[in-house]
Amino acid sequence: MIAQATGFAILAALSPTALLVMTVFLGSERPRETALAYVAGAMIMTVLMAVTVLLVLRGLNLNQPREHSPRYGLRLGLGVIALATAVVLLRRGVPQPGGPEQQKHGLIGRLTARPRPGVAFAAGLILFLPSATFVAAVQVIATSDASKGATAVALIIVVAISALIVWAPLIGYLARPDDTVRLLRQANGWLRVHGRTITVYGLLIGGIALIINGALGVASS
């Protein structure tokens, strides 16, 4: 259960946009406060959504053996959503990285135009709204028959991995600020070119895995 949930959490953590935003905040006038507010928003949203999805699915008794078909039907549906999202991203094409109009008019451009702790907190909440792969990670836990202790440990692991892209750079910055900022800027140069590709492949892998798992489960019911 933990291994499968961890795999989906890793796919959920593939967020080039979240890392780009962290780089902007760490280069602001108040880098520590702004980045910490960003991480706080991201963690609050991640924890809130993880607990909500867990409680909803457990409330529907999808962890019970008799709910075999609905459980795998949910996974199949999440896989379709992930694949549909990947197709939408592919059809939009690849924008010119770092273009001034993109930075000025996009949502991320507006969130990072004037980096402040309050804005950073809101950015964390918005950027860490749950994706299909994140919901898939939590549903693996929610639909298992694991004990309360094992469920709590698995949920903590999923939350930590899903938000890794923001809390790890913050820890790095607090330990070695100059080196961390330099590495992030170098990484972001590459991510501006390949970030969409990474996101699409993550959605494709997660979607295909969920569709296969869901379809096999439904067929065996």
N, C-alpha and C. Protein backbone atom coordinates (compact mmCIF):
# COMPACT_ATOMS: atom_id res chain seq x y z
N MET A 1 0.83 -1.20 0.00
CA MET A 1 0.00 0.00 0.00
C MET A 1 0.87 1.26 0.00
N ILE A 2 1.85 1.30 0.91
CA ILE A 2 2.71 2.48 1.02
C ILE A 2 3.52 2.69 -0.26
N ALA A 3 4.02 1.58 -0.83
CA ALA A 3 4.82 1.70 -2.04
C ALA A 3 4.01 2.26 -3.20
N GLN A 4 2.79 1.79 -3.37
CA GLN A 4 1.93 2.27 -4.45
C GLN A 4 1.55 3.73 -4.23
N ALA A 5 1.19 4.07 -3.00
CA ALA A 5 0.84 5.46 -2.70
C ALA A 5 2.03 6.39 -2.90
N THR A 6 3.21 5.92 -2.53
CA THR A 6 4.42 6.73 -2.71
C THR A 6 4.69 7.00 -4.18
N GLY A 7 4.47 5.99 -5.02
CA GLY A 7 4.68 6.19 -6.46
C GLY A 7 3.80 7.28 -7.02
N PHE A 8 2.53 7.29 -6.66
CA PHE A 8 1.62 8.33 -7.14
C PHE A 8 1.98 9.69 -6.53
N ALA A 9 2.45 9.69 -5.27
CA ALA A 9 2.85 10.95 -4.64
C ALA A 9 4.05 11.56 -5.34
N ILE A 10 4.98 10.73 -5.79
CA ILE A 10 6.14 11.24 -6.54
C ILE A 10 5.68 11.91 -7.83
N LEU A 11 4.72 11.29 -8.52
CA LEU A 11 4.19 11.89 -9.74
C LEU A 11 3.48 13.21 -9.42
N ALA A 12 2.78 13.26 -8.28
CA ALA A 12 2.09 14.49 -7.89
C ALA A 12 3.09 15.60 -7.56
N ALA A 13 4.28 15.22 -7.11
CA ALA A 13 5.29 16.21 -6.72
C ALA A 13 5.98 16.85 -7.92
N LEU A 14 5.78 16.31 -9.12
CA LEU A 14 6.43 16.86 -10.31
C LEU A 14 5.74 18.15 -10.73
N SER A 15 6.14 19.24 -10.12
CA SER A 15 5.52 20.54 -10.40
C SER A 15 6.59 21.58 -10.70
N PRO A 16 7.03 21.69 -11.96
CA PRO A 16 8.02 22.71 -12.31
C PRO A 16 7.56 24.12 -11.94
N THR A 17 6.27 24.38 -12.08
CA THR A 17 5.75 25.71 -11.75
C THR A 17 5.99 26.05 -10.29
N ALA A 18 5.73 25.09 -9.40
CA ALA A 18 5.92 25.33 -7.97
C ALA A 18 7.38 25.66 -7.66
N LEU A 19 8.30 25.01 -8.35
CA LEU A 19 9.72 25.27 -8.12
C LEU A 19 10.13 26.63 -8.69
N LEU A 20 9.58 26.99 -9.83
CA LEU A 20 9.86 28.30 -10.41
C LEU A 20 9.40 29.42 -9.46
N VAL A 21 8.23 29.24 -8.89
CA VAL A 21 7.70 30.23 -7.97
C VAL A 21 8.57 30.33 -6.71
N MET A 22 9.03 29.19 -6.21
CA MET A 22 9.91 29.21 -5.04
C MET A 22 11.19 30.00 -5.32
N THR A 23 11.73 29.86 -6.51
CA THR A 23 12.93 30.61 -6.87
C THR A 23 12.68 32.11 -6.83
N VAL A 24 11.53 32.53 -7.33
CA VAL A 24 11.18 33.95 -7.29
C VAL A 24 11.08 34.44 -5.85
N PHE A 25 10.42 33.67 -5.01
CA PHE A 25 10.23 34.09 -3.62
C PHE A 25 11.56 34.12 -2.85
N LEU A 26 12.45 33.20 -3.15
CA LEU A 26 13.75 33.21 -2.47
C LEU A 26 14.65 34.35 -2.96
N GLY A 27 14.28 34.96 -4.07
CA GLY A 27 15.03 36.11 -4.57
C GLY A 27 14.37 37.43 -4.23
N SER A 28 13.34 37.40 -3.38
CA SER A 28 12.61 38.61 -3.03
C SER A 28 13.32 39.39 -1.92
N GLU A 29 12.75 40.51 -1.53
CA GLU A 29 13.36 41.34 -0.49
C GLU A 29 13.33 40.65 0.88
N ARG A 30 12.32 39.85 1.12
CA ARG A 30 12.21 39.12 2.39
C ARG A 30 12.12 37.62 2.08
N PRO A 31 13.23 37.04 1.65
CA PRO A 31 13.19 35.66 1.14
C PRO A 31 12.73 34.63 2.16
N ARG A 32 13.23 34.71 3.40
CA ARG A 32 12.87 33.70 4.39
C ARG A 32 11.38 33.73 4.71
N GLU A 33 10.88 34.94 5.02
CA GLU A 33 9.47 35.06 5.38
C GLU A 33 8.55 34.69 4.22
N THR A 34 8.93 35.14 3.02
CA THR A 34 8.09 34.89 1.85
C THR A 34 8.08 33.41 1.48
N ALA A 35 9.24 32.79 1.47
CA ALA A 35 9.32 31.36 1.15
C ALA A 35 8.63 30.52 2.21
N LEU A 36 8.79 30.90 3.48
CA LEU A 36 8.14 30.15 4.55
C LEU A 36 6.62 30.24 4.44
N ALA A 37 6.10 31.41 4.09
CA ALA A 37 4.66 31.57 3.90
C ALA A 37 4.17 30.71 2.72
N TYR A 38 4.97 30.63 1.68
CA TYR A 38 4.65 29.81 0.51
C TYR A 38 4.56 28.34 0.91
N VAL A 39 5.56 27.87 1.65
CA VAL A 39 5.57 26.48 2.11
C VAL A 39 4.39 26.22 3.04
N ALA A 40 4.08 27.19 3.91
CA ALA A 40 2.96 27.03 4.83
C ALA A 40 1.65 26.85 4.06
N GLY A 41 1.44 27.68 3.04
CA GLY A 41 0.23 27.55 2.23
C GLY A 41 0.16 26.21 1.53
N ALA A 42 1.30 25.79 0.98
CA ALA A 42 1.35 24.50 0.28
C ALA A 42 1.07 23.34 1.22
N MET A 43 1.67 23.36 2.40
CA MET A 43 1.48 22.27 3.36
C MET A 43 0.06 22.23 3.89
N ILE A 44 -0.51 23.40 4.18
CA ILE A 44 -1.88 23.43 4.69
C ILE A 44 -2.85 22.86 3.66
N MET A 45 -2.71 23.28 2.40
CA MET A 45 -3.59 22.77 1.36
C MET A 45 -3.40 21.27 1.17
N THR A 46 -2.15 20.81 1.18
CA THR A 46 -1.87 19.39 0.97
C THR A 46 -2.44 18.54 2.09
N VAL A 47 -2.20 18.96 3.33
CA VAL A 47 -2.73 18.21 4.48
C VAL A 47 -4.25 18.22 4.48
N LEU A 48 -4.84 19.40 4.25
CA LEU A 48 -6.30 19.53 4.26
C LEU A 48 -6.94 18.62 3.21
N MET A 49 -6.39 18.63 1.99
CA MET A 49 -6.96 17.81 0.93
C MET A 49 -6.74 16.33 1.18
N ALA A 50 -5.58 15.97 1.73
CA ALA A 50 -5.31 14.56 2.03
C ALA A 50 -6.30 14.03 3.05
N VAL A 51 -6.51 14.77 4.12
CA VAL A 51 -7.44 14.34 5.16
C VAL A 51 -8.87 14.31 4.63
N THR A 52 -9.23 15.31 3.82
CA THR A 52 -10.59 15.36 3.27
C THR A 52 -10.87 14.17 2.37
N VAL A 53 -9.95 13.89 1.45
CA VAL A 53 -10.14 12.75 0.54
C VAL A 53 -10.20 11.45 1.33
N LEU A 54 -9.32 11.31 2.32
CA LEU A 54 -9.32 10.10 3.15
C LEU A 54 -10.65 9.91 3.85
N LEU A 55 -11.15 10.97 4.49
CA LEU A 55 -12.40 10.86 5.24
C LEU A 55 -13.59 10.59 4.33
N VAL A 56 -13.60 11.25 3.17
CA VAL A 56 -14.72 11.04 2.23
C VAL A 56 -14.76 9.61 1.75
N LEU A 57 -13.60 9.07 1.35
CA LEU A 57 -13.56 7.71 0.82
C LEU A 57 -13.84 6.69 1.91
N ARG A 58 -13.32 6.94 3.10
CA ARG A 58 -13.62 6.03 4.21
C ARG A 58 -15.10 6.13 4.58
N GLY A 59 -15.67 7.34 4.47
CA GLY A 59 -17.08 7.51 4.75
C GLY A 59 -17.96 6.76 3.76
N LEU A 60 -17.47 6.59 2.54
CA LEU A 60 -18.19 5.83 1.53
C LEU A 60 -17.93 4.32 1.65
N ASN A 61 -17.10 3.95 2.63
CA ASN A 61 -16.77 2.54 2.89
C ASN A 61 -16.07 1.87 1.71
N LEU A 62 -15.28 2.65 0.95
CA LEU A 62 -14.59 2.06 -0.19
C LEU A 62 -13.44 1.16 0.23
N ASN A 63 -13.11 1.15 1.51
CA ASN A 63 -12.08 0.24 2.01
C ASN A 63 -12.65 -1.14 2.35
N GLN A 64 -13.96 -1.30 2.24
CA GLN A 64 -14.58 -2.58 2.56
C GLN A 64 -14.51 -3.52 1.35
N PRO A 65 -14.33 -4.82 1.59
CA PRO A 65 -14.24 -5.79 0.49
C PRO A 65 -15.44 -5.76 -0.45
N ARG A 66 -16.63 -5.50 0.10
CA ARG A 66 -17.83 -5.50 -0.74
C ARG A 66 -17.87 -4.36 -1.74
N GLU A 67 -17.01 -3.33 -1.53
CA GLU A 67 -16.97 -2.17 -2.43
C GLU A 67 -15.85 -2.30 -3.46
N HIS A 68 -15.57 -3.52 -3.86
CA HIS A 68 -14.47 -3.78 -4.78
C HIS A 68 -14.63 -3.03 -6.10
N SER A 69 -15.80 -3.13 -6.72
CA SER A 69 -16.02 -2.48 -8.02
C SER A 69 -15.97 -0.96 -7.94
N PRO A 70 -16.68 -0.32 -6.99
CA PRO A 70 -16.57 1.15 -6.88
C PRO A 70 -15.14 1.62 -6.62
N ARG A 71 -14.39 0.87 -5.85
CA ARG A 71 -13.01 1.24 -5.52
C ARG A 71 -12.15 1.30 -6.78
N TYR A 72 -12.25 0.26 -7.59
CA TYR A 72 -11.44 0.23 -8.81
C TYR A 72 -12.05 1.12 -9.90
N GLY A 73 -13.34 1.34 -9.82
CA GLY A 73 -13.96 2.29 -10.75
C GLY A 73 -13.45 3.70 -10.51
N LEU A 74 -13.22 4.04 -9.24
CA LEU A 74 -12.66 5.34 -8.90
C LEU A 74 -11.26 5.49 -9.48
N ARG A 75 -10.45 4.45 -9.35
CA ARG A 75 -9.09 4.51 -9.89
C ARG A 75 -9.13 4.65 -11.41
N LEU A 76 -10.04 3.96 -12.04
CA LEU A 76 -10.19 4.09 -13.50
C LEU A 76 -10.56 5.51 -13.88
N GLY A 77 -11.49 6.10 -13.13
CA GLY A 77 -11.90 7.47 -13.41
C GLY A 77 -10.77 8.46 -13.21
N LEU A 78 -9.98 8.29 -12.16
CA LEU A 78 -8.83 9.17 -11.93
C LEU A 78 -7.81 9.05 -13.06
N GLY A 79 -7.65 7.84 -13.57
CA GLY A 79 -6.73 7.65 -14.69
C GLY A 79 -7.19 8.38 -15.94
N VAL A 80 -8.48 8.33 -16.20
CA VAL A 80 -9.04 9.05 -17.36
C VAL A 80 -8.83 10.55 -17.20
N ILE A 81 -9.04 11.08 -15.98
CA ILE A 81 -8.84 12.51 -15.73
C ILE A 81 -7.39 12.90 -15.96
N ALA A 82 -6.46 12.07 -15.48
CA ALA A 82 -5.03 12.36 -15.66
C ALA A 82 -4.66 12.38 -17.13
N LEU A 83 -5.14 11.40 -17.88
CA LEU A 83 -4.84 11.35 -19.32
C LEU A 83 -5.47 12.53 -20.05
N ALA A 84 -6.68 12.89 -19.69
CA ALA A 84 -7.35 14.02 -20.33
C ALA A 84 -6.58 15.31 -20.07
N THR A 85 -6.08 15.48 -18.86
CA THR A 85 -5.27 16.66 -18.54
C THR A 85 -4.01 16.70 -19.36
N ALA A 86 -3.37 15.54 -19.53
CA ALA A 86 -2.15 15.48 -20.34
C ALA A 86 -2.44 15.86 -21.79
N VAL A 87 -3.58 15.40 -22.31
CA VAL A 87 -3.95 15.72 -23.70
C VAL A 87 -4.19 17.22 -23.86
N VAL A 88 -4.85 17.84 -22.88
CA VAL A 88 -5.09 19.28 -22.92
C VAL A 88 -3.77 20.04 -22.95
N LEU A 89 -2.82 19.63 -22.11
CA LEU A 89 -1.52 20.30 -22.09
C LEU A 89 -0.78 20.12 -23.41
N LEU A 90 -0.90 18.94 -24.00
CA LEU A 90 -0.24 18.71 -25.29
C LEU A 90 -0.85 19.56 -26.38
N ARG A 91 -2.15 19.72 -26.38
CA ARG A 91 -2.83 20.49 -27.42
C ARG A 91 -2.54 21.98 -27.31
N ARG A 92 -2.21 22.44 -26.10
CA ARG A 92 -1.89 23.85 -25.92
C ARG A 92 -0.54 24.20 -26.53
N GLY A 93 0.29 23.18 -26.72
CA GLY A 93 1.61 23.44 -27.27
C GLY A 93 2.56 23.96 -26.21
N VAL A 94 3.79 24.20 -26.60
CA VAL A 94 4.84 24.65 -25.70
C VAL A 94 5.02 26.15 -25.84
N PRO A 95 4.75 26.95 -24.79
CA PRO A 95 4.91 28.40 -24.87
C PRO A 95 6.38 28.79 -24.88
N GLN A 96 6.64 29.99 -25.33
CA GLN A 96 8.02 30.48 -25.28
C GLN A 96 8.42 30.68 -23.83
N PRO A 97 9.47 29.98 -23.37
CA PRO A 97 9.81 30.04 -21.96
C PRO A 97 10.26 31.42 -21.52
N GLY A 98 9.65 31.84 -20.39
CA GLY A 98 10.12 33.08 -19.79
C GLY A 98 9.76 34.33 -20.56
N GLY A 99 8.86 34.23 -21.54
CA GLY A 99 8.51 35.40 -22.32
C GLY A 99 7.89 36.48 -21.46
N PRO A 100 8.11 37.76 -21.78
CA PRO A 100 7.60 38.83 -20.93
C PRO A 100 6.10 38.86 -20.83
N GLU A 101 5.39 38.56 -21.92
CA GLU A 101 3.94 38.59 -21.87
C GLU A 101 3.41 37.46 -20.99
N GLN A 102 4.07 36.28 -21.09
CA GLN A 102 3.66 35.15 -20.26
C GLN A 102 3.85 35.48 -18.79
N GLN A 103 4.95 36.10 -18.45
CA GLN A 103 5.22 36.44 -17.07
C GLN A 103 4.27 37.52 -16.57
N LYS A 104 3.87 38.43 -17.46
CA LYS A 104 3.05 39.56 -17.05
C LYS A 104 1.60 39.18 -16.85
N HIS A 105 1.05 38.36 -17.75
CA HIS A 105 -0.38 38.14 -17.76
C HIS A 105 -0.80 36.81 -17.16
N GLY A 106 0.09 35.85 -17.01
CA GLY A 106 -0.29 34.56 -16.45
C GLY A 106 -0.60 34.65 -14.97
N LEU A 107 -1.30 33.62 -14.48
CA LEU A 107 -1.62 33.57 -13.06
C LEU A 107 -0.37 33.62 -12.21
N ILE A 108 0.63 32.85 -12.60
CA ILE A 108 1.86 32.81 -11.82
C ILE A 108 2.56 34.16 -11.88
N GLY A 109 2.47 34.82 -13.02
CA GLY A 109 3.07 36.15 -13.12
C GLY A 109 2.43 37.12 -12.15
N ARG A 110 1.11 37.03 -12.01
CA ARG A 110 0.42 37.92 -11.08
C ARG A 110 0.76 37.59 -9.63
N LEU A 111 0.92 36.30 -9.34
CA LEU A 111 1.23 35.91 -7.97
C LEU A 111 2.65 36.29 -7.57
N THR A 112 3.54 36.36 -8.54
CA THR A 112 4.94 36.63 -8.22
C THR A 112 5.38 38.04 -8.58
N ALA A 113 4.46 38.85 -9.09
CA ALA A 113 4.84 40.21 -9.52
C ALA A 113 5.34 41.04 -8.34
N ARG A 114 4.70 40.88 -7.18
CA ARG A 114 5.11 41.62 -5.97
C ARG A 114 5.22 40.62 -4.82
N PRO A 115 6.34 39.92 -4.73
CA PRO A 115 6.49 38.87 -3.72
C PRO A 115 6.37 39.40 -2.30
N ARG A 116 5.37 38.92 -1.59
CA ARG A 116 5.15 39.26 -0.18
C ARG A 116 4.65 38.00 0.52
N PRO A 117 4.82 37.90 1.83
CA PRO A 117 4.38 36.70 2.54
C PRO A 117 2.91 36.36 2.32
N GLY A 118 2.03 37.37 2.34
CA GLY A 118 0.62 37.10 2.15
C GLY A 118 0.32 36.53 0.77
N VAL A 119 0.94 37.11 -0.24
CA VAL A 119 0.77 36.62 -1.62
C VAL A 119 1.37 35.23 -1.76
N ALA A 120 2.52 35.02 -1.12
CA ALA A 120 3.17 33.72 -1.19
C ALA A 120 2.31 32.64 -0.56
N PHE A 121 1.66 32.96 0.55
CA PHE A 121 0.78 31.99 1.20
C PHE A 121 -0.37 31.61 0.26
N ALA A 122 -0.95 32.62 -0.38
CA ALA A 122 -2.04 32.35 -1.34
C ALA A 122 -1.54 31.51 -2.51
N ALA A 123 -0.32 31.79 -2.97
CA ALA A 123 0.25 31.01 -4.08
C ALA A 123 0.40 29.55 -3.68
N GLY A 124 0.83 29.30 -2.44
CA GLY A 124 0.95 27.93 -1.97
C GLY A 124 -0.39 27.21 -1.96
N LEU A 125 -1.43 27.89 -1.52
CA LEU A 125 -2.77 27.30 -1.51
C LEU A 125 -3.24 26.97 -2.92
N ILE A 126 -3.03 27.90 -3.84
CA ILE A 126 -3.53 27.72 -5.21
C ILE A 126 -2.77 26.64 -5.95
N LEU A 127 -1.44 26.69 -5.88
CA LEU A 127 -0.62 25.76 -6.65
C LEU A 127 -0.70 24.33 -6.13
N PHE A 128 -1.12 24.17 -4.89
CA PHE A 128 -1.18 22.82 -4.33
C PHE A 128 -2.62 22.32 -4.15
N LEU A 129 -3.52 22.87 -4.95
CA LEU A 129 -4.82 22.22 -5.08
C LEU A 129 -4.60 20.81 -5.61
N PRO A 130 -5.38 19.84 -5.18
CA PRO A 130 -5.07 18.44 -5.50
C PRO A 130 -5.16 18.10 -6.99
N SER A 131 -4.17 17.35 -7.45
CA SER A 131 -4.17 16.83 -8.81
C SER A 131 -4.73 15.42 -8.80
N ALA A 132 -4.94 14.86 -9.98
CA ALA A 132 -5.47 13.49 -10.06
C ALA A 132 -4.49 12.50 -9.45
N THR A 133 -3.19 12.71 -9.66
CA THR A 133 -2.21 11.77 -9.11
C THR A 133 -2.13 11.88 -7.59
N PHE A 134 -2.33 13.08 -7.05
CA PHE A 134 -2.35 13.23 -5.59
C PHE A 134 -3.56 12.51 -5.00
N VAL A 135 -4.74 12.71 -5.60
CA VAL A 135 -5.93 12.02 -5.14
C VAL A 135 -5.74 10.51 -5.24
N ALA A 136 -5.07 10.08 -6.32
CA ALA A 136 -4.80 8.65 -6.49
C ALA A 136 -3.94 8.11 -5.36
N ALA A 137 -2.93 8.89 -4.94
CA ALA A 137 -2.07 8.46 -3.85
C ALA A 137 -2.86 8.30 -2.56
N VAL A 138 -3.73 9.26 -2.27
CA VAL A 138 -4.52 9.20 -1.04
C VAL A 138 -5.56 8.08 -1.11
N GLN A 139 -6.15 7.88 -2.29
CA GLN A 139 -7.18 6.85 -2.39
C GLN A 139 -6.60 5.45 -2.21
N VAL A 140 -5.34 5.25 -2.56
CA VAL A 140 -4.71 3.96 -2.30
C VAL A 140 -4.70 3.67 -0.81
N ILE A 141 -4.43 4.71 -0.02
CA ILE A 141 -4.42 4.56 1.44
C ILE A 141 -5.84 4.40 1.97
N ALA A 142 -6.73 5.26 1.48
CA ALA A 142 -8.10 5.28 1.99
C ALA A 142 -8.86 3.99 1.71
N THR A 143 -8.55 3.34 0.59
CA THR A 143 -9.29 2.14 0.21
C THR A 143 -8.61 0.86 0.67
N SER A 144 -7.55 0.99 1.45
CA SER A 144 -6.89 -0.19 1.99
C SER A 144 -7.52 -0.55 3.34
N ASP A 145 -7.20 -1.73 3.83
CA ASP A 145 -7.71 -2.15 5.14
C ASP A 145 -6.63 -2.03 6.20
N ALA A 146 -5.71 -1.07 6.02
CA ALA A 146 -4.61 -0.89 6.96
C ALA A 146 -5.11 -0.36 8.30
N SER A 147 -4.31 -0.56 9.33
CA SER A 147 -4.65 -0.07 10.66
C SER A 147 -4.57 1.45 10.69
N LYS A 148 -5.08 2.05 11.76
CA LYS A 148 -5.04 3.50 11.89
C LYS A 148 -3.61 4.02 11.91
N GLY A 149 -2.72 3.29 12.58
CA GLY A 149 -1.32 3.70 12.65
C GLY A 149 -0.66 3.67 11.28
N ALA A 150 -0.86 2.57 10.54
CA ALA A 150 -0.28 2.45 9.21
C ALA A 150 -0.86 3.49 8.26
N THR A 151 -2.15 3.77 8.41
CA THR A 151 -2.80 4.78 7.58
C THR A 151 -2.19 6.15 7.84
N ALA A 152 -1.98 6.49 9.11
CA ALA A 152 -1.40 7.80 9.46
C ALA A 152 0.02 7.93 8.91
N VAL A 153 0.81 6.88 9.05
CA VAL A 153 2.20 6.92 8.54
C VAL A 153 2.19 7.10 7.02
N ALA A 154 1.35 6.33 6.34
CA ALA A 154 1.28 6.42 4.88
C ALA A 154 0.84 7.81 4.43
N LEU A 155 -0.12 8.39 5.16
CA LEU A 155 -0.61 9.71 4.80
C LEU A 155 0.47 10.77 4.99
N ILE A 156 1.23 10.66 6.06
CA ILE A 156 2.34 11.60 6.31
C ILE A 156 3.38 11.50 5.19
N ILE A 157 3.68 10.28 4.77
CA ILE A 157 4.65 10.08 3.68
C ILE A 157 4.15 10.72 2.40
N VAL A 158 2.87 10.51 2.08
CA VAL A 158 2.31 11.08 0.84
C VAL A 158 2.34 12.61 0.89
N VAL A 159 1.97 13.19 2.01
CA VAL A 159 1.97 14.64 2.15
C VAL A 159 3.39 15.19 2.01
N ALA A 160 4.34 14.56 2.68
CA ALA A 160 5.73 15.03 2.63
C ALA A 160 6.30 14.96 1.22
N ILE A 161 6.03 13.87 0.51
CA ILE A 161 6.55 13.73 -0.85
C ILE A 161 5.86 14.70 -1.80
N SER A 162 4.56 14.85 -1.67
CA SER A 162 3.80 15.71 -2.58
C SER A 162 4.24 17.16 -2.50
N ALA A 163 4.66 17.61 -1.31
CA ALA A 163 5.11 19.00 -1.13
C ALA A 163 6.63 19.13 -1.12
N LEU A 164 7.32 18.05 -1.49
CA LEU A 164 8.79 18.05 -1.45
C LEU A 164 9.39 19.16 -2.29
N ILE A 165 8.74 19.50 -3.39
CA ILE A 165 9.28 20.46 -4.34
C ILE A 165 9.39 21.86 -3.74
N VAL A 166 8.71 22.12 -2.61
CA VAL A 166 8.81 23.44 -2.00
C VAL A 166 9.53 23.43 -0.65
N TRP A 167 9.29 22.39 0.18
CA TRP A 167 9.93 22.43 1.49
C TRP A 167 11.41 22.06 1.43
N ALA A 168 11.80 21.23 0.48
CA ALA A 168 13.22 20.87 0.36
C ALA A 168 14.09 22.08 -0.03
N PRO A 169 13.68 22.90 -1.03
CA PRO A 169 14.47 24.10 -1.33
C PRO A 169 14.55 25.07 -0.16
N LEU A 170 13.47 25.18 0.63
CA LEU A 170 13.50 26.08 1.77
C LEU A 170 14.54 25.61 2.80
N ILE A 171 14.57 24.31 3.07
CA ILE A 171 15.57 23.79 4.00
C ILE A 171 16.97 24.02 3.45
N GLY A 172 17.14 23.81 2.16
CA GLY A 172 18.44 24.05 1.54
C GLY A 172 18.85 25.50 1.65
N TYR A 173 17.88 26.40 1.48
CA TYR A 173 18.17 27.83 1.57
C TYR A 173 18.57 28.22 2.98
N LEU A 174 17.88 27.69 3.98
CA LEU A 174 18.21 28.01 5.36
C LEU A 174 19.61 27.52 5.74
N ALA A 175 20.04 26.41 5.12
CA ALA A 175 21.36 25.86 5.42
C ALA A 175 22.46 26.54 4.60
N ARG A 176 22.23 26.69 3.29
CA ARG A 176 23.23 27.29 2.39
C ARG A 176 22.50 28.19 1.39
N PRO A 177 22.19 29.41 1.77
CA PRO A 177 21.35 30.28 0.93
C PRO A 177 21.92 30.56 -0.45
N ASP A 178 23.18 30.94 -0.54
CA ASP A 178 23.75 31.31 -1.84
C ASP A 178 23.80 30.12 -2.79
N ASP A 179 24.26 28.98 -2.28
CA ASP A 179 24.35 27.78 -3.13
C ASP A 179 22.97 27.33 -3.59
N THR A 180 21.99 27.39 -2.70
CA THR A 180 20.64 26.95 -3.05
C THR A 180 20.03 27.83 -4.13
N VAL A 181 20.16 29.14 -3.98
CA VAL A 181 19.61 30.06 -4.98
C VAL A 181 20.29 29.85 -6.33
N ARG A 182 21.58 29.65 -6.32
CA ARG A 182 22.30 29.43 -7.57
C ARG A 182 21.83 28.15 -8.26
N LEU A 183 21.68 27.07 -7.49
CA LEU A 183 21.24 25.80 -8.06
C LEU A 183 19.81 25.90 -8.58
N LEU A 184 18.95 26.61 -7.86
CA LEU A 184 17.57 26.77 -8.30
C LEU A 184 17.49 27.55 -9.60
N ARG A 185 18.28 28.59 -9.72
CA ARG A 185 18.27 29.37 -10.95
C ARG A 185 18.77 28.55 -12.13
N GLN A 186 19.77 27.73 -11.89
CA GLN A 186 20.27 26.86 -12.96
C GLN A 186 19.21 25.84 -13.36
N ALA A 187 18.55 25.24 -12.35
CA ALA A 187 17.51 24.25 -12.63
C ALA A 187 16.33 24.88 -13.34
N ASN A 188 15.98 26.10 -12.96
CA ASN A 188 14.82 26.75 -13.55
C ASN A 188 15.03 27.09 -15.01
N GLY A 189 16.28 27.37 -15.39
CA GLY A 189 16.56 27.61 -16.79
C GLY A 189 16.19 26.40 -17.64
N TRP A 190 16.48 25.23 -17.11
CA TRP A 190 16.15 23.98 -17.81
C TRP A 190 14.65 23.70 -17.72
N LEU A 191 14.06 23.97 -16.55
CA LEU A 191 12.65 23.69 -16.36
C LEU A 191 11.76 24.58 -17.22
N ARG A 192 12.18 25.81 -17.49
CA ARG A 192 11.38 26.69 -18.34
C ARG A 192 11.22 26.10 -19.74
N VAL A 193 12.20 25.31 -20.15
CA VAL A 193 12.15 24.69 -21.47
C VAL A 193 11.44 23.33 -21.43
N HIS A 194 11.71 22.56 -20.39
CA HIS A 194 11.23 21.18 -20.35
C HIS A 194 10.14 20.93 -19.31
N GLY A 195 9.74 21.95 -18.57
CA GLY A 195 8.77 21.75 -17.49
C GLY A 195 7.46 21.16 -17.95
N ARG A 196 6.92 21.66 -19.06
CA ARG A 196 5.64 21.14 -19.55
C ARG A 196 5.77 19.66 -19.93
N THR A 197 6.90 19.30 -20.54
CA THR A 197 7.12 17.91 -20.92
C THR A 197 7.13 17.01 -19.70
N ILE A 198 7.80 17.44 -18.63
CA ILE A 198 7.85 16.66 -17.40
C ILE A 198 6.45 16.46 -16.84
N THR A 199 5.67 17.54 -16.82
CA THR A 199 4.31 17.46 -16.30
C THR A 199 3.45 16.50 -17.11
N VAL A 200 3.55 16.59 -18.43
CA VAL A 200 2.75 15.74 -19.32
C VAL A 200 3.12 14.28 -19.13
N TYR A 201 4.41 13.97 -19.10
CA TYR A 201 4.82 12.58 -18.94
C TYR A 201 4.40 12.03 -17.57
N GLY A 202 4.46 12.87 -16.53
CA GLY A 202 4.00 12.44 -15.22
C GLY A 202 2.53 12.08 -15.23
N LEU A 203 1.72 12.91 -15.89
CA LEU A 203 0.29 12.64 -16.00
C LEU A 203 0.01 11.40 -16.84
N LEU A 204 0.78 11.23 -17.91
CA LEU A 204 0.59 10.06 -18.76
C LEU A 204 0.91 8.77 -18.01
N ILE A 205 2.03 8.78 -17.30
CA ILE A 205 2.42 7.58 -16.55
C ILE A 205 1.39 7.27 -15.47
N GLY A 206 1.02 8.29 -14.69
CA GLY A 206 0.03 8.08 -13.65
C GLY A 206 -1.31 7.65 -14.21
N GLY A 207 -1.74 8.30 -15.30
CA GLY A 207 -3.03 7.96 -15.90
C GLY A 207 -3.08 6.55 -16.42
N ILE A 208 -2.03 6.14 -17.12
CA ILE A 208 -2.00 4.77 -17.67
C ILE A 208 -1.99 3.74 -16.54
N ALA A 209 -1.19 4.01 -15.50
CA ALA A 209 -1.12 3.08 -14.38
C ALA A 209 -2.48 2.94 -13.70
N LEU A 210 -3.17 4.05 -13.52
CA LEU A 210 -4.48 4.02 -12.87
C LEU A 210 -5.53 3.32 -13.74
N ILE A 211 -5.49 3.59 -15.03
CA ILE A 211 -6.46 2.96 -15.93
C ILE A 211 -6.26 1.45 -15.97
N ILE A 212 -5.01 1.01 -16.06
CA ILE A 212 -4.75 -0.43 -16.08
C ILE A 212 -5.18 -1.08 -14.77
N ASN A 213 -4.79 -0.46 -13.65
CA ASN A 213 -5.14 -1.00 -12.34
C ASN A 213 -6.65 -1.02 -12.14
N GLY A 214 -7.30 0.09 -12.51
CA GLY A 214 -8.75 0.16 -12.35
C GLY A 214 -9.49 -0.82 -13.24
N ALA A 215 -9.06 -0.92 -14.50
CA ALA A 215 -9.72 -1.80 -15.45
C ALA A 215 -9.59 -3.27 -15.04
N LEU A 216 -8.41 -3.64 -14.58
CA LEU A 216 -8.20 -5.03 -14.14
C LEU A 216 -9.06 -5.32 -12.90
N GLY A 217 -9.13 -4.33 -12.00
CA GLY A 217 -9.94 -4.54 -10.80
C GLY A 217 -11.42 -4.67 -11.10
N VAL A 218 -11.91 -3.82 -11.99
CA VAL A 218 -13.33 -3.88 -12.36
C VAL A 218 -13.63 -5.20 -13.07
N ALA A 219 -12.72 -5.62 -13.96
CA ALA A 219 -12.93 -6.84 -14.72
C ALA A 219 -12.96 -8.08 -13.83
N SER A 220 -12.21 -8.02 -12.72
CA SER A 220 -12.12 -9.19 -11.84
C SER A 220 -13.24 -9.24 -10.81
N SER A 221 -14.10 -8.21 -10.80
CA SER A 221 -15.17 -8.18 -9.80
C SER A 221 -16.35 -9.06 -10.20
